[in-house]
């Protein structure tokens, strides 16, 4: 299938189905991997989601038929994103992650069109597209939606090929016979929209726990898959036009919280799985200029750090190195303190306590550089995956110094 042969649609697959889950994986992760993913990695990620390999391959073949993926062999069999799919994916990013609610003083956008019966196929596609933009139907040929969606309406009209047949208007406040809230209930099916919110909230309750990065990946993909159609259907109308018990605000809050909690760990899992493919790490989207932050060289030491994720801000890397050097200075101080206890020959009794305190400080001083190095590796890798880890070094050193201090104090008192 050629790159321009189809108009791609993001709403065909039912959320939770194999096709929908794989479409979500492709939309989330193939671009960060450089626009190409090996077939083995894609099947492996599908397996993490509980999709058998044979069913995954069938679903991938259907994604190729739909034009989302194009087969391309590099160092292994794989797929690259169809460049024609990028506008759809970028539009999806805006709707899914950049959630907007219409303010009370924001203008409305009205869409009027006249398409003859001989082109009813285009008319059907336009109406369907307006529904997926969250527009309400004032009449069969007049639709209304928040003003901040005007650019997406323009894009839809161009994609369908009916820009010349449509006129867009901006209105501060439509004048209706009754209240605007009553009119909204006739323009939008709020009961159906409420049902979509309740479906999403029920799906969130069923998400698996995120004990590991793999579990976080499964939970995050299922979260996005359950959520991805809702921001299209719900235009984010002002609260004054919605019922008092409207569930939209809770859905938005739950999604935002879980997205932050799971997203970075899910990316870490995909980077660990996809990083095993050299092509997945290094290919750059051909429609974009090369990004220096993604062009890390495999010869940098240690490879266990630099083969993961994206290049972080250099200032963070240098700060991490300064932290490493600070711990090394701490280790020198610990060793010096341990040696000083013995060399100065302090009159402490029993002498064994002084010796033990000295050995504790020296041992802590020896262990600190090693632990600092391991901490540097963990932090550097984590910055490349956008999820900083905790540190065990500080409590270890604190405990060692505390124990040595107690021993010296006891010896001094005795």
Protein backbone atom coordinates (compact mmCIF):
# COMPACT_ATOMS: atom_id res chain seq x y z
CA UNK A 1 0.00 0.00 0.00
CA UNK A 2 1.36 3.41 -0.93
CA UNK A 3 1.96 6.13 1.59
CA UNK A 4 -0.86 8.35 0.28
CA UNK A 5 -3.37 5.62 -0.66
CA UNK A 6 -5.69 5.93 2.32
CA UNK A 7 -7.17 8.51 4.62
CA UNK A 8 -6.36 7.21 8.08
CA UNK A 9 -9.00 6.98 10.77
CA UNK A 10 -8.25 6.70 14.49
CA UNK A 11 -11.68 5.50 15.66
CA UNK A 12 -12.41 2.24 13.87
CA UNK A 13 -11.16 -0.11 16.58
CA UNK A 14 -13.22 -0.71 19.72
CA UNK A 15 -11.27 0.25 22.89
CA UNK A 16 -9.93 -2.87 24.58
CA UNK A 17 -9.80 -4.92 21.40
CA UNK A 18 -6.56 -6.32 20.02
CA UNK A 19 -6.59 -3.86 17.11
CA UNK A 20 -7.22 -0.91 19.42
CA UNK A 21 -4.48 -1.88 21.90
CA UNK A 22 -1.91 -2.32 19.14
CA UNK A 23 -2.97 0.94 17.53
CA UNK A 24 -2.43 2.60 20.90
CA UNK A 25 1.05 1.05 21.24
CA UNK A 26 2.00 2.21 17.75
CA UNK A 27 0.67 5.72 18.37
CA UNK A 28 2.48 6.08 21.69
CA UNK A 29 5.87 4.49 21.08
CA UNK A 30 6.92 4.05 17.45
CA UNK A 31 7.74 7.75 17.02
CA UNK A 32 10.01 7.88 20.10
CA UNK A 33 11.77 4.79 18.76
CA UNK A 34 12.62 6.73 15.60
CA UNK A 35 9.61 5.92 13.42
CA UNK A 36 10.57 2.25 12.98
CA UNK A 37 9.97 -0.80 15.15
CA UNK A 38 11.00 -4.40 14.65
CA UNK A 39 8.26 -6.97 14.25
CA UNK A 40 9.69 -8.96 17.15
CA UNK A 41 9.55 -5.97 19.51
CA UNK A 42 5.98 -5.13 18.51
CA UNK A 43 4.88 -8.73 19.05
CA UNK A 44 6.74 -8.78 22.38
CA UNK A 45 4.94 -5.65 23.57
CA UNK A 46 1.64 -7.15 22.43
CA UNK A 47 2.49 -10.23 24.47
CA UNK A 48 2.99 -8.04 27.53
CA UNK A 49 -0.61 -6.90 26.99
CA UNK A 50 -1.80 -10.51 26.97
CA UNK A 51 -2.21 -10.74 23.18
CA UNK A 52 -1.04 -14.08 21.73
CA UNK A 53 1.64 -13.82 19.04
CA UNK A 54 -0.55 -15.18 16.21
CA UNK A 55 -3.37 -12.77 17.02
CA UNK A 56 -0.88 -9.90 17.29
CA UNK A 57 0.56 -10.65 13.84
CA UNK A 58 -2.95 -10.72 12.36
CA UNK A 59 -3.77 -7.36 13.94
CA UNK A 60 -0.46 -5.88 12.72
CA UNK A 61 -1.31 -7.01 9.20
CA UNK A 62 -4.61 -5.17 9.49
CA UNK A 63 -2.80 -2.03 10.63
CA UNK A 64 -0.73 -2.31 7.46
CA UNK A 65 -3.91 -2.65 5.41
CA UNK A 66 -5.32 0.44 7.09
CA UNK A 67 -2.17 2.30 6.09
CA UNK A 68 -0.86 3.05 9.59
CA UNK A 69 2.29 0.95 9.16
CA UNK A 70 4.51 0.19 6.18
CA UNK A 71 6.65 -2.93 6.06
CA UNK A 72 10.36 -2.14 6.00
CA UNK A 73 13.26 -4.49 6.71
CA UNK A 74 16.41 -3.08 8.32
CA UNK A 75 18.62 -5.28 10.48
CA UNK A 76 15.41 -7.27 11.09
CA UNK A 77 11.88 -7.47 9.78
CA UNK A 78 9.91 -4.46 10.95
CA UNK A 79 7.59 -1.60 10.22
CA UNK A 80 7.81 2.15 9.90
CA UNK A 81 5.06 4.67 10.35
CA UNK A 82 3.34 5.80 7.20
CA UNK A 83 4.21 9.53 6.89
CA UNK A 84 0.56 10.09 5.94
CA UNK A 85 -0.36 8.95 9.45
CA UNK A 86 1.70 11.57 11.25
CA UNK A 87 -0.89 14.41 11.08
CA UNK A 88 -3.51 12.08 12.53
CA UNK A 89 -1.18 10.95 15.33
CA UNK A 90 -0.12 14.51 16.16
CA UNK A 91 -3.76 15.59 16.24
CA UNK A 92 -4.42 12.68 18.59
CA UNK A 93 -1.58 13.82 20.86
CA UNK A 94 -3.19 17.24 21.18
CA UNK A 95 -6.65 15.90 21.93
CA UNK A 96 -5.58 13.10 24.27
CA UNK A 97 -2.92 14.85 26.34
CA UNK A 98 -3.62 18.58 25.99
CA UNK A 99 -7.06 18.58 27.57
CA UNK A 100 -8.97 21.85 27.11
CA UNK A 101 -12.24 22.99 28.63
CA UNK A 102 -14.22 25.79 27.05
CA UNK A 103 -14.25 28.95 29.17
CA UNK A 104 -17.45 30.90 29.78
CA UNK A 105 -16.32 33.81 27.58
CA UNK A 106 -14.82 31.74 24.76
CA UNK A 107 -16.48 32.12 21.34
CA UNK A 108 -18.30 29.31 19.57
CA UNK A 109 -17.50 27.99 16.12
CA UNK A 110 -20.41 27.19 13.78
CA UNK A 111 -19.97 25.07 10.66
CA UNK A 112 -22.44 25.38 7.81
CA UNK A 113 -22.15 23.38 4.60
CA UNK A 114 -24.09 22.51 1.49
CA UNK A 115 -23.04 19.26 -0.21
CA UNK A 116 -25.21 17.91 -3.05
CA UNK A 117 -26.78 14.47 -2.95
CA UNK A 118 -24.43 13.32 -5.70
CA UNK A 119 -21.60 13.65 -3.16
CA UNK A 120 -23.43 12.15 -0.20
CA UNK A 121 -20.42 9.93 0.55
CA UNK A 122 -18.36 13.03 1.38
CA UNK A 123 -21.27 14.45 3.34
CA UNK A 124 -21.41 11.32 5.46
CA UNK A 125 -17.66 11.45 6.08
CA UNK A 126 -17.88 15.11 7.10
CA UNK A 127 -20.73 14.48 9.55
CA UNK A 128 -18.88 11.56 11.06
CA UNK A 129 -15.73 13.66 11.35
CA UNK A 130 -17.62 16.49 13.06
CA UNK A 131 -19.07 14.02 15.56
CA UNK A 132 -15.54 12.82 16.38
CA UNK A 133 -14.46 16.41 16.89
CA UNK A 134 -17.12 16.72 19.58
CA UNK A 135 -19.43 18.99 17.57
CA UNK A 136 -23.12 19.27 18.32
CA UNK A 137 -25.75 19.12 15.59
CA UNK A 138 -27.93 22.23 15.48
CA UNK A 139 -29.43 20.92 12.21
CA UNK A 140 -28.24 18.37 9.61
CA UNK A 141 -26.11 21.04 7.87
CA UNK A 142 -25.25 23.29 10.83
CA UNK A 143 -22.91 22.16 13.59
CA UNK A 144 -21.53 23.96 16.66
CA UNK A 145 -18.45 23.43 18.81
CA UNK A 146 -16.05 25.39 21.05
CA UNK A 147 -14.00 28.03 19.26
CA UNK A 148 -10.66 26.48 20.23
CA UNK A 149 -11.48 23.56 17.89
CA UNK A 150 -11.76 25.76 14.79
CA UNK A 151 -8.33 24.76 13.47
CA UNK A 152 -9.29 21.09 13.68
CA UNK A 153 -12.48 21.81 11.75
CA UNK A 154 -10.41 23.49 9.03
CA UNK A 155 -8.15 20.45 8.89
CA UNK A 156 -11.15 18.10 8.67
CA UNK A 157 -12.71 20.09 5.82
CA UNK A 158 -9.45 19.95 3.87
CA UNK A 159 -8.98 16.21 4.52
CA UNK A 160 -12.49 15.40 3.36
CA UNK A 161 -12.13 17.73 0.38
CA UNK A 162 -15.14 19.96 1.02
CA UNK A 163 -13.56 23.21 2.17
CA UNK A 164 -15.21 25.11 -0.68
CA UNK A 165 -18.65 23.84 0.34
CA UNK A 166 -18.40 24.96 3.99
CA UNK A 167 -18.50 28.27 5.85
CA UNK A 168 -17.26 28.80 9.40
CA UNK A 169 -18.70 31.43 11.75
CA UNK A 170 -17.60 32.62 15.17
CA UNK A 171 -20.27 33.58 17.70
CA UNK A 172 -19.94 34.91 21.23
CA UNK A 173 -23.28 33.55 22.45
CA UNK A 174 -25.86 31.84 20.23
CA UNK A 175 -29.31 33.33 20.67
CA UNK A 176 -31.87 30.59 21.35
CA UNK A 177 -35.55 30.57 22.31
CA UNK A 178 -34.97 29.09 25.77
CA UNK A 179 -31.81 28.78 27.83
CA UNK A 180 -28.51 27.91 26.21
CA UNK A 181 -28.18 24.93 28.58
CA UNK A 182 -31.48 23.52 27.25
CA UNK A 183 -30.27 24.03 23.67
CA UNK A 184 -27.00 22.22 24.48
CA UNK A 185 -29.00 19.17 25.59
CA UNK A 186 -30.64 19.05 22.14
CA UNK A 187 -27.40 19.62 20.20
CA UNK A 188 -25.39 17.00 22.10
CA UNK A 189 -26.44 13.58 23.36
CA UNK A 190 -25.35 14.20 26.93
CA UNK A 191 -26.73 10.87 28.16
CA UNK A 192 -24.52 8.98 25.71
CA UNK A 193 -21.56 11.18 26.62
CA UNK A 194 -22.16 10.54 30.32
CA UNK A 195 -22.11 6.82 29.53
CA UNK A 196 -18.70 7.19 27.89
CA UNK A 197 -17.31 8.87 31.01
CA UNK A 198 -18.74 6.15 33.23
CA UNK A 199 -17.28 3.49 30.95
CA UNK A 200 -13.85 5.09 31.24
CA UNK A 201 -14.07 5.38 35.02
CA UNK A 202 -15.09 1.72 35.26
CA UNK A 203 -12.12 0.76 33.04
CA UNK A 204 -9.75 2.66 35.35
CA UNK A 205 -10.91 0.57 38.31
CA UNK A 206 -9.94 -2.57 36.37
CA UNK A 207 -6.38 -1.42 35.57
CA UNK A 208 -3.68 -3.81 36.84
CA UNK A 209 -1.34 -2.77 39.63
CA UNK A 210 2.01 -1.31 38.54
CA UNK A 211 4.47 -3.28 40.66
CA UNK A 212 7.05 -3.40 37.83
CA UNK A 213 7.79 -1.27 34.76
CA UNK A 214 6.21 -4.00 32.64
CA UNK A 215 3.05 -3.78 34.74
CA UNK A 216 3.15 0.02 34.44
CA UNK A 217 3.36 -0.37 30.64
CA UNK A 218 0.30 -2.64 30.60
CA UNK A 219 -1.67 -0.30 32.85
CA UNK A 220 -0.65 2.81 30.89
CA UNK A 221 -1.52 1.38 27.48
CA UNK A 222 -4.91 0.23 28.76
CA UNK A 223 -5.45 3.65 30.35
CA UNK A 224 -4.74 5.47 27.08
CA UNK A 225 -6.75 2.93 25.10
CA UNK A 226 -9.78 3.43 27.33
CA UNK A 227 -9.35 7.21 27.24
CA UNK A 228 -8.32 8.00 23.67
CA UNK A 229 -11.80 8.41 22.13
CA UNK A 230 -13.31 10.33 25.04
CA UNK A 231 -11.51 13.68 24.45
CA UNK A 232 -12.83 13.61 20.87
CA UNK A 233 -16.42 12.93 21.87
CA UNK A 234 -16.44 15.39 24.78
CA UNK A 235 -15.71 18.94 23.53
CA UNK A 236 -15.19 20.24 27.07
CA UNK A 237 -18.28 22.43 27.38
CA UNK A 238 -18.45 25.07 30.14
CA UNK A 239 -19.69 23.68 33.50
CA UNK A 240 -22.61 26.15 33.52
CA UNK A 241 -24.10 24.34 30.49
CA UNK A 242 -23.79 20.84 31.96
CA UNK A 243 -25.68 18.99 34.71
CA UNK A 244 -24.41 19.57 38.24
CA UNK A 245 -23.32 15.93 38.61
CA UNK A 246 -21.44 15.87 35.30
CA UNK A 247 -18.66 13.20 35.48
CA UNK A 248 -16.30 14.89 33.04
CA UNK A 249 -14.15 16.73 35.57
CA UNK A 250 -13.51 13.54 37.53
CA UNK A 251 -12.55 11.67 34.34
CA UNK A 252 -10.08 14.40 33.38
CA UNK A 253 -8.54 14.45 36.88
CA UNK A 254 -8.20 10.66 37.09
CA UNK A 255 -6.62 10.47 33.65
CA UNK A 256 -4.13 13.26 34.40
CA UNK A 257 -3.08 11.67 37.70
CA UNK A 258 -2.61 8.16 36.31
CA UNK A 259 -0.92 9.40 33.16
CA UNK A 260 1.76 11.13 35.24
CA UNK A 261 2.15 8.15 37.57
CA UNK A 262 2.49 5.50 34.84
CA UNK A 263 3.79 7.23 31.72
CA UNK A 264 7.52 7.45 32.52
CA UNK A 265 7.75 3.88 33.80
CA UNK A 266 5.89 2.60 30.74
CA UNK A 267 8.36 4.46 28.49
CA UNK A 268 11.19 2.86 30.44
CA UNK A 269 9.85 -0.61 29.71
CA UNK A 270 9.44 0.12 26.01
CA UNK A 271 12.94 1.62 25.85
CA UNK A 272 14.37 -1.51 27.50
CA UNK A 273 12.56 -3.82 25.07
CA UNK A 274 12.95 -1.67 21.95
CA UNK A 275 16.54 -0.70 22.82
CA UNK A 276 17.71 -4.17 21.92
CA UNK A 277 17.10 -3.30 18.29
CA UNK A 278 19.84 -0.99 17.02
CA UNK A 279 17.58 0.39 14.29
CA UNK A 280 14.82 1.17 16.80
CA UNK A 281 17.23 3.34 18.76
CA UNK A 282 18.81 5.26 15.92
CA UNK A 283 16.30 5.84 13.11
CA UNK A 284 15.01 9.41 12.94
CA UNK A 285 11.58 10.33 11.63
CA UNK A 286 12.23 11.25 7.97
CA UNK A 287 9.69 14.10 8.12
CA UNK A 288 11.60 15.87 10.91
CA UNK A 289 15.14 17.27 11.12
CA UNK A 290 17.61 15.12 13.05
CA UNK A 291 17.30 15.57 16.81
CA UNK A 292 20.75 15.61 18.40
CA UNK A 293 19.28 14.50 21.71
CA UNK A 294 18.30 11.14 20.16
CA UNK A 295 21.58 10.49 18.36
CA UNK A 296 23.59 8.95 21.20
CA UNK A 297 26.60 6.89 20.15
CA UNK A 298 26.81 3.20 21.16
CA UNK A 299 30.53 3.58 22.00
CA UNK A 300 29.98 5.69 25.11
CA UNK A 301 30.80 4.05 28.42
CA UNK A 302 28.98 2.51 30.18
CA UNK A 303 26.80 1.13 27.39
CA UNK A 304 24.22 -0.04 29.96
CA UNK A 305 23.42 3.65 30.52
CA UNK A 306 23.59 5.14 27.06
CA UNK A 307 21.59 2.54 25.21
CA UNK A 308 18.40 3.62 27.00
CA UNK A 309 16.00 6.47 26.27
CA UNK A 310 16.82 9.96 25.02
CA UNK A 311 19.75 12.25 25.74
CA UNK A 312 18.86 14.43 28.76
CA UNK A 313 19.67 18.10 29.18
CA UNK A 314 23.49 18.29 29.49
CA UNK A 315 23.11 20.37 32.65
CA UNK A 316 21.43 17.46 34.38
CA UNK A 317 24.19 15.06 33.32
CA UNK A 318 26.87 17.44 34.61
CA UNK A 319 24.97 17.90 37.88
CA UNK A 320 24.84 14.13 38.23
CA UNK A 321 28.62 13.99 37.76
CA UNK A 322 29.12 16.69 40.39
CA UNK A 323 27.05 14.62 42.79
CA UNK A 324 29.33 11.66 42.09
CA UNK A 325 32.41 13.77 42.80
CA UNK A 326 30.85 15.08 46.02
CA UNK A 327 30.33 11.53 47.25
CA UNK A 328 33.95 10.70 46.40
CA UNK A 329 35.06 13.65 48.50
CA UNK A 330 32.85 12.33 51.28
CA UNK A 331 34.53 8.94 51.01
CA UNK A 332 37.96 10.54 51.37
CA UNK A 333 36.75 12.31 54.49
CA UNK A 334 35.43 9.04 55.94
CA UNK A 335 38.71 7.25 55.28
CA UNK A 336 40.68 10.15 56.75
CA UNK A 337 38.46 10.11 59.85
CA UNK A 338 38.97 6.40 60.31
CA UNK A 339 42.74 6.69 59.96
CA UNK A 340 42.82 9.66 62.32
CA UNK A 341 41.16 7.70 65.10
CA UNK A 342 44.04 5.24 65.08
CA UNK A 343 46.94 7.55 64.25
CA UNK A 344 46.07 10.14 66.91
CA UNK A 345 45.93 7.40 69.55
CA UNK A 346 43.05 8.95 71.49
CA UNK A 347 42.84 7.74 75.08
CA UNK A 348 39.59 5.84 74.67
CA UNK A 349 38.63 2.68 76.55
CA UNK A 350 38.16 0.00 75.65
CA UNK A 351 40.57 0.38 72.74
CA UNK A 352 38.55 -2.15 70.70
CA UNK A 353 35.71 0.35 70.33
CA UNK A 354 38.07 2.90 68.87
CA UNK A 355 39.39 0.28 66.44
CA UNK A 356 35.85 -0.77 65.43
CA UNK A 357 34.82 2.87 64.90
CA UNK A 358 37.90 3.42 62.78
CA UNK A 359 37.16 0.33 60.68
CA UNK A 360 33.52 1.37 60.22
CA UNK A 361 34.57 4.77 58.87
CA UNK A 362 37.24 3.29 56.59
CA UNK A 363 34.82 0.62 55.30
CA UNK A 364 32.18 3.29 54.63
CA UNK A 365 34.82 5.37 52.85
CA UNK A 366 35.77 2.43 50.64
CA UNK A 367 32.15 1.53 49.87
CA UNK A 368 31.04 5.10 49.12
CA UNK A 369 32.78 5.51 45.70
CA UNK A 370 31.37 2.17 44.52
CA UNK A 371 27.87 3.03 45.69
CA UNK A 372 28.24 6.54 44.23
CA UNK A 373 29.23 5.07 40.85
CA UNK A 374 26.24 2.73 40.87
CA UNK A 375 24.03 5.66 41.89
CA UNK A 376 25.40 7.75 39.03
CA UNK A 377 24.55 4.97 36.58
CA UNK A 378 21.02 4.61 37.94
CA UNK A 379 20.39 8.36 37.89
CA UNK A 380 21.84 8.85 34.41
CA UNK A 381 19.77 6.00 33.01
CA UNK A 382 16.68 7.24 34.82
CA UNK A 383 17.06 10.79 33.44
CA UNK A 384 17.06 9.31 29.96
CA UNK A 385 13.78 7.58 30.80
CA UNK A 386 12.24 10.53 32.70
CA UNK A 387 11.90 8.74 36.06
CA UNK A 388 14.48 9.48 38.76
CA UNK A 389 15.15 6.66 41.26
CA UNK A 390 15.64 6.80 44.99
CA UNK A 391 19.13 6.66 46.55
CA UNK A 392 20.47 4.23 49.15
CA UNK A 393 23.88 5.88 49.45
CA UNK A 394 22.88 8.73 51.74
CA UNK A 395 21.26 6.49 54.40
CA UNK A 396 24.17 4.02 54.24
CA UNK A 397 26.73 6.76 54.88
CA UNK A 398 24.54 8.34 57.56
CA UNK A 399 24.19 5.02 59.38
CA UNK A 400 27.93 4.35 59.16
CA UNK A 401 28.86 7.77 60.56
CA UNK A 402 26.22 7.43 63.29
CA UNK A 403 27.52 3.99 64.35
CA UNK A 404 31.12 5.22 64.40
CA UNK A 405 30.12 8.30 66.41
CA UNK A 406 28.24 6.19 68.96
CA UNK A 407 31.24 3.87 69.37
CA UNK A 408 33.58 6.81 69.93
CA UNK A 409 31.15 8.37 72.39
CA UNK A 410 30.80 5.13 74.37
CA UNK A 411 34.57 4.68 74.47
CA UNK A 412 35.02 8.28 75.66
CA UNK A 413 32.47 7.83 78.45
CA UNK A 414 34.04 4.60 79.59
